[in-house]
Amino acid sequence: MLAARYSTIGIPLIPGAAGPATETTTTCATVLCADLHGYDAIVAQLPAFQVVSLLQEFFAILTGAVLECGGQIFHLAGADMMAGFGVGDSRHTQIHEALTAARSIQQGFTRVRASWQEKHSVYAGVGIGIHRGEVAIGVFGAPAQTALTLVGDTTHIAAQLCRRARAGEVLLSAAVHLPHICDTAAVGTTESMPLLHLPQLQLRGRAAPLDVWCAPAVRRLKMRHSAESGHSRH
């Protein structure tokens, strides 16, 4: 079964962990993408060894939240992460788990953000996008360093939502929002993460605009050097 085959993916970034490429598998997944706002200013302001330390803190929060909620991490690079929930599981969408992970990431990064401001005078925040749909599971890389990743329009939409999210925000597509609010078991999560229905977004490469909901930051996060300019929704 597909669910059993990919149930132990975890963080599939270990050389050779994915094995040889044999066939491309198509399935459904709830995809969560996250990136670090302010990263351009951070790498320009701090020496590389300090950036490494900050990224270790950043990714520890992201990966810890995803894995604790039963997700699988498919991509870590630069200051970005892509994770999948319910990959290959036709019975469970794991939308509730993805939203829980997103909330945990935003809450966990609050302390780190304050620490970075105090110690390094840098301003940062996390933007998150979540979408659900069909994906292909691909195996890429050199024979000794292959890695699994999720490919397709679903991951592209999640990534674009992530880029449009402002610091501290979570943007959800209708594919994630509508099934979730109809699930009575998840009502508690919806209440603890209030959602705002935004004007439709026109995403790059798509003819039709997308219905989007936003879990806003508790307060608008200050970002120095207009770091949010690259994440405008207009």
C-alpha atoms as a PDB file:
ATOM      1  CA  MET A   1       0.000   0.000   0.000  1.00  0.00           C
ATOM      2  CA  LEU A   2       1.126   3.544  -0.751  1.00  0.00           C
ATOM      3  CA  ALA A   3       0.525   4.742   2.810  1.00  0.00           C
ATOM      4  CA  ALA A   4       2.738   1.994   4.209  1.00  0.00           C
ATOM      5  CA  ARG A   5       5.383   2.555   1.561  1.00  0.00           C
ATOM      6  CA  TYR A   6       5.806   6.233   2.493  1.00  0.00           C
ATOM      7  CA  SER A   7       4.912   6.136   6.200  1.00  0.00           C
ATOM      8  CA  THR A   8       8.530   6.387   7.293  1.00  0.00           C
ATOM      9  CA  ILE A   9       9.691   9.137   4.969  1.00  0.00           C
ATOM     10  CA  GLY A  10      10.363  11.518   7.868  1.00  0.00           C
ATOM     11  CA  ILE A  11      13.025  13.862   6.527  1.00  0.00           C
ATOM     12  CA  PRO A  12      13.985  12.267   3.180  1.00  0.00           C
ATOM     13  CA  LEU A  13      17.213  14.214   2.749  1.00  0.00           C
ATOM     14  CA  ILE A  14      19.683  11.503   3.740  1.00  0.00           C
ATOM     15  CA  PRO A  15      22.002  10.451   0.879  1.00  0.00           C
ATOM     16  CA  GLY A  16      20.655   7.315  -0.738  1.00  0.00           C
ATOM     17  CA  ALA A  17      17.634   7.163   1.563  1.00  0.00           C
ATOM     18  CA  ALA A  18      15.107   7.272  -1.242  1.00  0.00           C
ATOM     19  CA  GLY A  19      16.649   4.412  -3.195  1.00  0.00           C
ATOM     20  CA  PRO A  20      16.736   4.199  -6.981  1.00  0.00           C
ATOM     21  CA  ALA A  21      14.030   5.906  -9.032  1.00  0.00           C
ATOM     22  CA  THR A  22      11.633   3.292 -10.386  1.00  0.00           C
ATOM     23  CA  GLU A  23       8.205   4.834 -10.977  1.00  0.00           C
ATOM     24  CA  THR A  24       6.403   8.109 -10.385  1.00  0.00           C
ATOM     25  CA  THR A  25       3.570   7.802  -7.874  1.00  0.00           C
ATOM     26  CA  THR A  26       0.596  10.162  -7.856  1.00  0.00           C
ATOM     27  CA  THR A  27      -1.396  10.762  -4.692  1.00  0.00           C
ATOM     28  CA  CYS A  28      -3.126  13.492  -2.681  1.00  0.00           C
ATOM     29  CA  ALA A  29      -1.474  15.525   0.034  1.00  0.00           C
ATOM     30  CA  THR A  30      -1.919  18.573   2.199  1.00  0.00           C
ATOM     31  CA  VAL A  31       1.176  20.655   1.468  1.00  0.00           C
ATOM     32  CA  LEU A  32       2.611  23.205   3.900  1.00  0.00           C
ATOM     33  CA  CYS A  33       5.302  25.628   2.751  1.00  0.00           C
ATOM     34  CA  ALA A  34       7.102  28.031   5.076  1.00  0.00           C
ATOM     35  CA  ASP A  35       9.800  30.632   4.575  1.00  0.00           C
ATOM     36  CA  LEU A  36      11.786  33.075   6.657  1.00  0.00           C
ATOM     37  CA  HIS A  37      10.917  36.744   6.071  1.00  0.00           C
ATOM     38  CA  GLY A  38      13.871  39.054   6.505  1.00  0.00           C
ATOM     39  CA  TYR A  39      16.395  36.458   5.338  1.00  0.00           C
ATOM     40  CA  ASP A  40      17.906  38.745   2.688  1.00  0.00           C
ATOM     41  CA  ALA A  41      18.700  41.366   5.334  1.00  0.00           C
ATOM     42  CA  ILE A  42      19.998  38.723   7.749  1.00  0.00           C
ATOM     43  CA  VAL A  43      22.575  37.291   5.334  1.00  0.00           C
ATOM     44  CA  ALA A  44      23.649  40.811   4.335  1.00  0.00           C
ATOM     45  CA  GLN A  45      24.062  41.915   7.942  1.00  0.00           C
ATOM     46  CA  LEU A  46      25.546  38.880   9.708  1.00  0.00           C
ATOM     47  CA  PRO A  47      28.605  36.692   9.018  1.00  0.00           C
ATOM     48  CA  ALA A  48      27.866  33.300   7.524  1.00  0.00           C
ATOM     49  CA  PHE A  49      28.638  31.300  10.677  1.00  0.00           C
ATOM     50  CA  GLN A  50      26.023  33.283  12.615  1.00  0.00           C
ATOM     51  CA  VAL A  51      23.467  32.785   9.834  1.00  0.00           C
ATOM     52  CA  VAL A  52      24.005  29.031  10.184  1.00  0.00           C
ATOM     53  CA  SER A  53      23.207  29.248  13.889  1.00  0.00           C
ATOM     54  CA  LEU A  54      20.023  31.221  13.231  1.00  0.00           C
ATOM     55  CA  LEU A  55      18.878  28.811  10.518  1.00  0.00           C
ATOM     56  CA  GLN A  56      19.448  25.880  12.885  1.00  0.00           C
ATOM     57  CA  GLU A  57      17.051  27.491  15.360  1.00  0.00           C
ATOM     58  CA  PHE A  58      14.568  28.290  12.591  1.00  0.00           C
ATOM     59  CA  PHE A  59      14.519  24.813  11.067  1.00  0.00           C
ATOM     60  CA  ALA A  60      14.410  23.146  14.500  1.00  0.00           C
ATOM     61  CA  ILE A  61      11.078  24.880  15.143  1.00  0.00           C
ATOM     62  CA  LEU A  62       9.695  24.016  11.692  1.00  0.00           C
ATOM     63  CA  THR A  63      10.775  20.392  11.592  1.00  0.00           C
ATOM     64  CA  GLY A  64       9.799  19.770  15.207  1.00  0.00           C
ATOM     65  CA  ALA A  65       6.266  21.091  14.650  1.00  0.00           C
ATOM     66  CA  VAL A  66       5.777  19.144  11.406  1.00  0.00           C
ATOM     67  CA  LEU A  67       7.061  15.818  12.686  1.00  0.00           C
ATOM     68  CA  GLU A  68       5.201  16.130  15.996  1.00  0.00           C
ATOM     69  CA  CYS A  69       1.975  16.543  14.012  1.00  0.00           C
ATOM     70  CA  GLY A  70       2.675  13.514  11.820  1.00  0.00           C
ATOM     71  CA  GLY A  71       3.859  15.381   8.723  1.00  0.00           C
ATOM     72  CA  GLN A  72       6.748  14.535   6.428  1.00  0.00           C
ATOM     73  CA  ILE A  73       9.453  16.978   5.353  1.00  0.00           C
ATOM     74  CA  PHE A  74      10.307  16.905   1.666  1.00  0.00           C
ATOM     75  CA  HIS A  75      12.419  20.020   1.165  1.00  0.00           C
ATOM     76  CA  LEU A  76      14.777  22.166   3.219  1.00  0.00           C
ATOM     77  CA  ALA A  77      16.853  24.759   1.380  1.00  0.00           C
ATOM     78  CA  GLY A  78      17.976  28.325   1.954  1.00  0.00           C
ATOM     79  CA  ALA A  79      15.311  29.566   4.342  1.00  0.00           C
ATOM     80  CA  ASP A  80      12.409  27.519   2.952  1.00  0.00           C
ATOM     81  CA  MET A  81      10.654  24.279   3.906  1.00  0.00           C
ATOM     82  CA  MET A  82       8.038  22.115   2.196  1.00  0.00           C
ATOM     83  CA  ALA A  83       6.165  19.467   4.165  1.00  0.00           C
ATOM     84  CA  GLY A  84       3.397  17.026   3.320  1.00  0.00           C
ATOM     85  CA  PHE A  85       0.525  15.738   5.468  1.00  0.00           C
ATOM     86  CA  GLY A  86      -1.637  12.732   4.659  1.00  0.00           C
ATOM     87  CA  VAL A  87       0.661  11.755   1.807  1.00  0.00           C
ATOM     88  CA  GLY A  88      -0.627   8.530   0.274  1.00  0.00           C
ATOM     89  CA  ASP A  89      -3.388   8.203   2.879  1.00  0.00           C
ATOM     90  CA  SER A  90      -6.766   8.279   1.150  1.00  0.00           C
ATOM     91  CA  ARG A  91      -8.645   8.071   4.470  1.00  0.00           C
ATOM     92  CA  HIS A  92      -7.125  11.063   6.266  1.00  0.00           C
ATOM     93  CA  THR A  93      -6.414  14.491   4.773  1.00  0.00           C
ATOM     94  CA  GLN A  94      -4.490  15.582   7.897  1.00  0.00           C
ATOM     95  CA  ILE A  95      -5.676  19.153   7.308  1.00  0.00           C
ATOM     96  CA  HIS A  96      -6.210  19.495  11.066  1.00  0.00           C
ATOM     97  CA  GLU A  97      -2.621  18.353  11.676  1.00  0.00           C
ATOM     98  CA  ALA A  98      -1.216  20.782   9.080  1.00  0.00           C
ATOM     99  CA  LEU A  99      -3.040  23.714  10.675  1.00  0.00           C
ATOM    100  CA  THR A 100      -1.874  22.626  14.123  1.00  0.00           C
ATOM    101  CA  ALA A 101       1.717  22.505  12.864  1.00  0.00           C
ATOM    102  CA  ALA A 102       1.355  25.967  11.290  1.00  0.00           C
ATOM    103  CA  ARG A 103       0.037  27.421  14.535  1.00  0.00           C
ATOM    104  CA  SER A 104       2.829  25.734  16.501  1.00  0.00           C
ATOM    105  CA  ILE A 105       5.454  27.168  14.127  1.00  0.00           C
ATOM    106  CA  GLN A 106       4.135  30.715  14.492  1.00  0.00           C
ATOM    107  CA  GLN A 107       3.900  30.420  18.265  1.00  0.00           C
ATOM    108  CA  GLY A 108       7.331  28.819  18.578  1.00  0.00           C
ATOM    109  CA  PHE A 109       9.025  31.438  16.432  1.00  0.00           C
ATOM    110  CA  THR A 110       7.751  34.315  18.603  1.00  0.00           C
ATOM    111  CA  ARG A 111      10.434  33.696  21.227  1.00  0.00           C
ATOM    112  CA  VAL A 112      13.165  33.191  18.618  1.00  0.00           C
ATOM    113  CA  ARG A 113      12.213  36.390  16.803  1.00  0.00           C
ATOM    114  CA  ALA A 114      12.561  38.394  20.039  1.00  0.00           C
ATOM    115  CA  SER A 115      15.917  36.758  20.774  1.00  0.00           C
ATOM    116  CA  TRP A 116      17.262  37.591  17.310  1.00  0.00           C
ATOM    117  CA  GLN A 117      16.207  41.213  17.686  1.00  0.00           C
ATOM    118  CA  GLU A 118      17.919  41.502  21.060  1.00  0.00           C
ATOM    119  CA  LYS A 119      21.143  39.676  20.182  1.00  0.00           C
ATOM    120  CA  HIS A 120      21.624  40.550  16.506  1.00  0.00           C
ATOM    121  CA  SER A 121      19.310  43.506  15.788  1.00  0.00           C
ATOM    122  CA  VAL A 122      17.633  41.598  12.962  1.00  0.00           C
ATOM    123  CA  TYR A 123      13.932  41.430  12.199  1.00  0.00           C
ATOM    124  CA  ALA A 124      12.366  38.190  10.995  1.00  0.00           C
ATOM    125  CA  GLY A 125       9.066  36.390  10.698  1.00  0.00           C
ATOM    126  CA  VAL A 126       7.577  33.239   9.200  1.00  0.00           C
ATOM    127  CA  GLY A 127       5.141  33.138   6.280  1.00  0.00           C
ATOM    128  CA  ILE A 128       3.181  29.911   5.721  1.00  0.00           C
ATOM    129  CA  GLY A 129       0.992  28.693   2.855  1.00  0.00           C
ATOM    130  CA  ILE A 130      -1.162  25.531   2.871  1.00  0.00           C
ATOM    131  CA  HIS A 131      -2.976  23.861  -0.039  1.00  0.00           C
ATOM    132  CA  ARG A 132      -4.332  20.368  -0.731  1.00  0.00           C
ATOM    133  CA  GLY A 133      -4.585  18.421  -3.961  1.00  0.00           C
ATOM    134  CA  GLU A 134      -2.929  15.911  -6.243  1.00  0.00           C
ATOM    135  CA  VAL A 135       0.850  15.605  -6.187  1.00  0.00           C
ATOM    136  CA  ALA A 136       3.433  13.376  -7.761  1.00  0.00           C
ATOM    137  CA  ILE A 137       6.154  11.875  -5.595  1.00  0.00           C
ATOM    138  CA  GLY A 138       9.428  12.240  -7.445  1.00  0.00           C
ATOM    139  CA  VAL A 139      12.907  10.941  -6.740  1.00  0.00           C
ATOM    140  CA  PHE A 140      15.734  13.254  -7.763  1.00  0.00           C
ATOM    141  CA  GLY A 141      19.467  13.589  -7.314  1.00  0.00           C
ATOM    142  CA  ALA A 142      22.670  11.695  -7.962  1.00  0.00           C
ATOM    143  CA  PRO A 143      22.496   7.913  -7.398  1.00  0.00           C
ATOM    144  CA  ALA A 144      24.143   8.138  -3.971  1.00  0.00           C
ATOM    145  CA  GLN A 145      22.222  11.250  -2.879  1.00  0.00           C
ATOM    146  CA  THR A 146      18.631  10.840  -4.017  1.00  0.00           C
ATOM    147  CA  ALA A 147      15.775  12.570  -2.222  1.00  0.00           C
ATOM    148  CA  LEU A 148      11.997  12.363  -2.409  1.00  0.00           C
ATOM    149  CA  THR A 149       9.988  15.478  -3.155  1.00  0.00           C
ATOM    150  CA  LEU A 150       6.427  16.479  -4.005  1.00  0.00           C
ATOM    151  CA  VAL A 151       5.775  17.886  -7.475  1.00  0.00           C
ATOM    152  CA  GLY A 152       2.798  19.505  -9.195  1.00  0.00           C
ATOM    153  CA  ASP A 153       0.352  22.387  -9.175  1.00  0.00           C
ATOM    154  CA  THR A 154      -0.571  21.710  -5.549  1.00  0.00           C
ATOM    155  CA  THR A 155       2.957  22.333  -4.303  1.00  0.00           C
ATOM    156  CA  HIS A 156       3.277  25.371  -6.583  1.00  0.00           C
ATOM    157  CA  ILE A 157       0.112  26.933  -5.131  1.00  0.00           C
ATOM    158  CA  ALA A 158       1.235  26.237  -1.555  1.00  0.00           C
ATOM    159  CA  ALA A 159       4.594  27.864  -2.332  1.00  0.00           C
ATOM    160  CA  GLN A 160       2.933  30.921  -3.882  1.00  0.00           C
ATOM    161  CA  LEU A 161       0.618  31.286  -0.886  1.00  0.00           C
ATOM    162  CA  CYS A 162       3.682  31.061   1.336  1.00  0.00           C
ATOM    163  CA  ARG A 163       5.365  33.881  -0.597  1.00  0.00           C
ATOM    164  CA  ARG A 164       2.209  36.026  -0.389  1.00  0.00           C
ATOM    165  CA  ALA A 165       1.821  35.493   3.368  1.00  0.00           C
ATOM    166  CA  ARG A 166       3.107  38.342   5.475  1.00  0.00           C
ATOM    167  CA  ALA A 167       5.314  37.732   8.496  1.00  0.00           C
ATOM    168  CA  GLY A 168       3.379  35.815  11.135  1.00  0.00           C
ATOM    169  CA  GLU A 169       0.529  34.855   8.770  1.00  0.00           C
ATOM    170  CA  VAL A 170      -0.815  31.535   7.484  1.00  0.00           C
ATOM    171  CA  LEU A 171      -2.623  31.591   4.113  1.00  0.00           C
ATOM    172  CA  LEU A 172      -5.021  28.736   3.297  1.00  0.00           C
ATOM    173  CA  SER A 173      -6.661  27.826   0.022  1.00  0.00           C
ATOM    174  CA  ALA A 174     -10.328  26.822  -0.153  1.00  0.00           C
ATOM    175  CA  ALA A 175      -9.211  23.212  -0.614  1.00  0.00           C
ATOM    176  CA  VAL A 176      -7.851  23.352   2.935  1.00  0.00           C
ATOM    177  CA  HIS A 177     -10.288  25.748   4.564  1.00  0.00           C
ATOM    178  CA  LEU A 178     -13.682  24.400   3.484  1.00  0.00           C
ATOM    179  CA  PRO A 179     -13.242  20.709   4.438  1.00  0.00           C
ATOM    180  CA  HIS A 180     -11.620  21.787   7.680  1.00  0.00           C
ATOM    181  CA  ILE A 181     -14.427  24.014   8.968  1.00  0.00           C
ATOM    182  CA  CYS A 182     -16.977  21.322   8.098  1.00  0.00           C
ATOM    183  CA  ASP A 183     -15.134  18.848  10.336  1.00  0.00           C
ATOM    184  CA  THR A 184     -16.724  19.111  13.783  1.00  0.00           C
ATOM    185  CA  ALA A 185     -13.719  17.393  15.334  1.00  0.00           C
ATOM    186  CA  ALA A 186     -11.569  20.335  14.257  1.00  0.00           C
ATOM    187  CA  VAL A 187     -13.791  23.161  15.482  1.00  0.00           C
ATOM    188  CA  GLY A 188     -11.536  23.794  18.457  1.00  0.00           C
ATOM    189  CA  THR A 189      -8.591  24.459  16.172  1.00  0.00           C
ATOM    190  CA  THR A 190     -10.635  26.830  14.010  1.00  0.00           C
ATOM    191  CA  GLU A 191     -11.663  28.834  17.072  1.00  0.00           C
ATOM    192  CA  SER A 192      -8.086  29.101  18.318  1.00  0.00           C
ATOM    193  CA  MET A 193      -6.893  30.149  14.847  1.00  0.00           C
ATOM    194  CA  PRO A 194      -9.406  32.770  13.606  1.00  0.00           C
ATOM    195  CA  LEU A 195      -9.575  32.894   9.820  1.00  0.00           C
ATOM    196  CA  LEU A 196     -10.262  35.917   7.626  1.00  0.00           C
ATOM    197  CA  HIS A 197     -11.643  35.547   4.101  1.00  0.00           C
ATOM    198  CA  LEU A 198      -9.383  37.632   1.866  1.00  0.00           C
ATOM    199  CA  PRO A 199     -10.191  39.091  -1.552  1.00  0.00           C
ATOM    200  CA  GLN A 200      -9.418  36.531  -4.242  1.00  0.00           C
ATOM    201  CA  LEU A 201      -5.741  36.267  -5.125  1.00  0.00           C
ATOM    202  CA  GLN A 202      -4.449  36.138  -8.670  1.00  0.00           C
ATOM    203  CA  LEU A 203      -1.507  33.744  -8.566  1.00  0.00           C
ATOM    204  CA  ARG A 204       1.193  33.682 -11.186  1.00  0.00           C
ATOM    205  CA  GLY A 205       0.472  31.290 -14.042  1.00  0.00           C
ATOM    206  CA  ARG A 206      -3.198  30.738 -13.159  1.00  0.00           C
ATOM    207  CA  ALA A 207      -6.122  32.095 -15.197  1.00  0.00           C
ATOM    208  CA  ALA A 208      -8.692  31.983 -12.396  1.00  0.00           C
ATOM    209  CA  PRO A 209      -8.191  33.772  -9.049  1.00  0.00           C
ATOM    210  CA  LEU A 210      -7.969  31.694  -5.873  1.00  0.00           C
ATOM    211  CA  ASP A 211     -10.187  31.834  -2.803  1.00  0.00           C
ATOM    212  CA  VAL A 212      -7.899  32.373   0.175  1.00  0.00           C
ATOM    213  CA  TRP A 213      -8.297  32.565   3.953  1.00  0.00           C
ATOM    214  CA  CYS A 214      -5.776  34.072   6.333  1.00  0.00           C
ATOM    215  CA  ALA A 215      -4.844  33.245   9.905  1.00  0.00           C
ATOM    216  CA  PRO A 216      -3.343  36.653  10.731  1.00  0.00           C
ATOM    217  CA  ALA A 217      -0.536  37.478  13.096  1.00  0.00           C
ATOM    218  CA  VAL A 218      -1.687  38.542  16.562  1.00  0.00           C
ATOM    219  CA  ARG A 219      -0.191  41.935  15.728  1.00  0.00           C
ATOM    220  CA  ARG A 220       1.482  43.266  12.596  1.00  0.00           C
ATOM    221  CA  LEU A 221       5.158  42.375  12.858  1.00  0.00           C
ATOM    222  CA  LYS A 222       7.691  45.130  12.303  1.00  0.00           C
ATOM    223  CA  MET A 223      10.067  44.282   9.472  1.00  0.00           C
ATOM    224  CA  ARG A 224      13.072  46.530   8.887  1.00  0.00           C
ATOM    225  CA  HIS A 225      14.267  47.608   5.413  1.00  0.00           C
ATOM    226  CA  SER A 226      10.818  47.004   3.865  1.00  0.00           C
ATOM    227  CA  ALA A 227      11.375  43.250   4.059  1.00  0.00           C
ATOM    228  CA  GLU A 228       7.654  42.709   3.483  1.00  0.00           C
ATOM    229  CA  SER A 229       7.686  44.459   0.105  1.00  0.00           C
ATOM    230  CA  GLY A 230       8.408  41.176  -1.636  1.00  0.00           C
ATOM    231  CA  HIS A 231       5.388  39.551  -0.010  1.00  0.00           C
ATOM    232  CA  SER A 232       2.660  41.968  -1.117  1.00  0.00           C
ATOM    233  CA  ARG A 233      -0.737  40.478  -1.909  1.00  0.00           C
ATOM    234  CA  HIS A 234      -1.558  43.243  -4.379  1.00  0.00           C
END
